[in-house]
Amino acid sequence: EEEEEEQILAVMADQICYSNKYFDEDHEYRHVILPKSIAKRVPQDRLMSETEWRSIGVQQSRGWVHYMHHRPEPHILLFRRKLDVAAQQQQQAMQ
């Protein structure tokens, strides 16, 4: 049963939509739109850890933090990461 659930999540992960990144002076941001069948796994009373959001199929580079619930649309997750983390990852990728 657990293996079947993992296969279903893998198929659903293809339906996750990722926004373009947007910025302020300290952070880069993006939102992730989940299919409603995955969204029901998102706790509404707290933010998710990286392990939790990865376990439902969200795939992003390291450093992203689930920082806010979008209450009107609970299937949209809001993420941010410090700009210095993004710059470090870009530098490492260039080496």
C-alpha atoms as a PDB file:
ATOM      1  CA  GLU A   1       0.000   0.000   0.000  1.00  0.00           C
ATOM      2  CA  GLU A   2       2.832   2.422   0.824  1.00  0.00           C
ATOM      3  CA  GLU A   3       4.562   1.638  -2.476  1.00  0.00           C
ATOM      4  CA  GLU A   4       1.320   2.265  -4.359  1.00  0.00           C
ATOM      5  CA  GLU A   5       0.941   5.629  -2.601  1.00  0.00           C
ATOM      6  CA  GLU A   6       4.512   6.595  -3.591  1.00  0.00           C
ATOM      7  CA  GLN A   7       3.765   5.737  -7.226  1.00  0.00           C
ATOM      8  CA  ILE A   8       0.618   7.869  -7.159  1.00  0.00           C
ATOM      9  CA  LEU A   9       2.571  10.790  -5.665  1.00  0.00           C
ATOM     10  CA  ALA A  10       5.259  10.428  -8.353  1.00  0.00           C
ATOM     11  CA  VAL A  11       2.614  10.718 -11.080  1.00  0.00           C
ATOM     12  CA  MET A  12       0.988  13.666  -9.309  1.00  0.00           C
ATOM     13  CA  ALA A  13       4.373  15.409  -8.937  1.00  0.00           C
ATOM     14  CA  ASP A  14       4.313  15.942 -12.711  1.00  0.00           C
ATOM     15  CA  GLN A  15       1.201  18.082 -12.173  1.00  0.00           C
ATOM     16  CA  ILE A  16       2.866  20.453  -9.688  1.00  0.00           C
ATOM     17  CA  CYS A  17       3.373  23.937 -11.179  1.00  0.00           C
ATOM     18  CA  TYR A  18       6.246  26.203 -10.154  1.00  0.00           C
ATOM     19  CA  SER A  19       6.117  29.972 -10.595  1.00  0.00           C
ATOM     20  CA  ASN A  20       8.954  32.056 -11.888  1.00  0.00           C
ATOM     21  CA  LYS A  21      11.093  33.497  -9.119  1.00  0.00           C
ATOM     22  CA  TYR A  22      10.508  37.024  -7.897  1.00  0.00           C
ATOM     23  CA  PHE A  23      12.688  39.103  -5.601  1.00  0.00           C
ATOM     24  CA  ASP A  24      12.998  41.796  -2.974  1.00  0.00           C
ATOM     25  CA  GLU A  25      16.242  43.122  -1.477  1.00  0.00           C
ATOM     26  CA  ASP A  26      16.729  40.113   0.863  1.00  0.00           C
ATOM     27  CA  HIS A  27      14.943  37.090  -0.612  1.00  0.00           C
ATOM     28  CA  GLU A  28      13.893  35.327  -3.750  1.00  0.00           C
ATOM     29  CA  TYR A  29      10.373  33.934  -3.773  1.00  0.00           C
ATOM     30  CA  ARG A  30       8.282  31.485  -5.699  1.00  0.00           C
ATOM     31  CA  HIS A  31       4.928  29.864  -5.300  1.00  0.00           C
ATOM     32  CA  VAL A  32       4.080  26.269  -6.005  1.00  0.00           C
ATOM     33  CA  ILE A  33       0.625  25.199  -7.135  1.00  0.00           C
ATOM     34  CA  LEU A  34      -0.336  21.699  -6.071  1.00  0.00           C
ATOM     35  CA  PRO A  35      -3.012  19.479  -7.576  1.00  0.00           C
ATOM     36  CA  LYS A  36      -5.893  19.361  -5.117  1.00  0.00           C
ATOM     37  CA  SER A  37      -5.287  15.665  -4.431  1.00  0.00           C
ATOM     38  CA  ILE A  38      -1.810  16.484  -3.088  1.00  0.00           C
ATOM     39  CA  ALA A  39      -2.920  19.715  -1.418  1.00  0.00           C
ATOM     40  CA  LYS A  40      -5.085  17.799   1.032  1.00  0.00           C
ATOM     41  CA  ARG A  41      -1.826  16.458   2.547  1.00  0.00           C
ATOM     42  CA  VAL A  42      -0.647  19.972   3.447  1.00  0.00           C
ATOM     43  CA  PRO A  43      -1.113  20.820   7.131  1.00  0.00           C
ATOM     44  CA  GLN A  44      -3.064  24.059   7.464  1.00  0.00           C
ATOM     45  CA  ASP A  45      -2.129  24.712  11.089  1.00  0.00           C
ATOM     46  CA  ARG A  46       1.642  25.043  10.547  1.00  0.00           C
ATOM     47  CA  LEU A  47       4.337  25.460   7.912  1.00  0.00           C
ATOM     48  CA  MET A  48       6.041  22.421   6.425  1.00  0.00           C
ATOM     49  CA  SER A  49       9.668  21.432   6.834  1.00  0.00           C
ATOM     50  CA  GLU A  50      11.777  20.711   3.765  1.00  0.00           C
ATOM     51  CA  THR A  51      11.429  16.985   4.420  1.00  0.00           C
ATOM     52  CA  GLU A  52       7.646  17.301   4.468  1.00  0.00           C
ATOM     53  CA  TRP A  53       7.276  19.308   1.272  1.00  0.00           C
ATOM     54  CA  ARG A  54       9.709  17.051  -0.545  1.00  0.00           C
ATOM     55  CA  SER A  55       7.712  14.021   0.624  1.00  0.00           C
ATOM     56  CA  ILE A  56       4.610  15.273  -1.218  1.00  0.00           C
ATOM     57  CA  GLY A  57       6.536  15.729  -4.464  1.00  0.00           C
ATOM     58  CA  VAL A  58       7.733  19.340  -4.405  1.00  0.00           C
ATOM     59  CA  GLN A  59      11.171  19.500  -6.040  1.00  0.00           C
ATOM     60  CA  GLN A  60      13.414  22.537  -5.588  1.00  0.00           C
ATOM     61  CA  SER A  61      17.062  23.206  -4.901  1.00  0.00           C
ATOM     62  CA  ARG A  62      18.203  23.519  -1.304  1.00  0.00           C
ATOM     63  CA  GLY A  63      17.556  26.574   0.813  1.00  0.00           C
ATOM     64  CA  TRP A  64      13.869  27.128   0.038  1.00  0.00           C
ATOM     65  CA  VAL A  65      11.614  27.582   3.078  1.00  0.00           C
ATOM     66  CA  HIS A  66       7.821  27.240   3.195  1.00  0.00           C
ATOM     67  CA  TYR A  67       7.174  30.593   4.858  1.00  0.00           C
ATOM     68  CA  MET A  68       3.459  31.357   4.531  1.00  0.00           C
ATOM     69  CA  HIS A  69       0.033  29.857   3.881  1.00  0.00           C
ATOM     70  CA  HIS A  70      -2.044  31.439   1.146  1.00  0.00           C
ATOM     71  CA  ARG A  71      -5.326  31.052   3.031  1.00  0.00           C
ATOM     72  CA  PRO A  72      -7.724  31.813   0.138  1.00  0.00           C
ATOM     73  CA  GLU A  73      -6.069  29.057  -1.930  1.00  0.00           C
ATOM     74  CA  PRO A  74      -4.625  26.321   0.314  1.00  0.00           C
ATOM     75  CA  HIS A  75      -3.258  24.413  -2.704  1.00  0.00           C
ATOM     76  CA  ILE A  76      -0.701  27.213  -3.268  1.00  0.00           C
ATOM     77  CA  LEU A  77       2.485  27.009  -1.196  1.00  0.00           C
ATOM     78  CA  LEU A  78       4.646  30.117  -0.751  1.00  0.00           C
ATOM     79  CA  PHE A  79       8.421  29.669  -0.569  1.00  0.00           C
ATOM     80  CA  ARG A  80      11.384  31.983  -0.112  1.00  0.00           C
ATOM     81  CA  ARG A  81      15.128  31.782   0.371  1.00  0.00           C
ATOM     82  CA  LYS A  82      17.808  34.287   1.225  1.00  0.00           C
ATOM     83  CA  LEU A  83      19.490  35.787  -1.799  1.00  0.00           C
ATOM     84  CA  ASP A  84      22.958  34.876  -0.508  1.00  0.00           C
ATOM     85  CA  VAL A  85      21.989  31.157  -0.575  1.00  0.00           C
ATOM     86  CA  ALA A  86      20.920  31.437  -4.208  1.00  0.00           C
ATOM     87  CA  ALA A  87      24.142  33.282  -5.133  1.00  0.00           C
ATOM     88  CA  GLN A  88      26.288  30.617  -3.439  1.00  0.00           C
ATOM     89  CA  GLN A  89      24.518  27.850  -5.349  1.00  0.00           C
ATOM     90  CA  GLN A  90      24.991  29.666  -8.657  1.00  0.00           C
ATOM     91  CA  GLN A  91      28.713  30.115  -7.953  1.00  0.00           C
ATOM     92  CA  GLN A  92      29.107  26.414  -7.095  1.00  0.00           C
ATOM     93  CA  ALA A  93      27.318  25.415 -10.301  1.00  0.00           C
ATOM     94  CA  MET A  94      29.733  27.546 -12.359  1.00  0.00           C
ATOM     95  CA  GLN A  95      32.851  25.889 -10.896  1.00  0.00           C
END
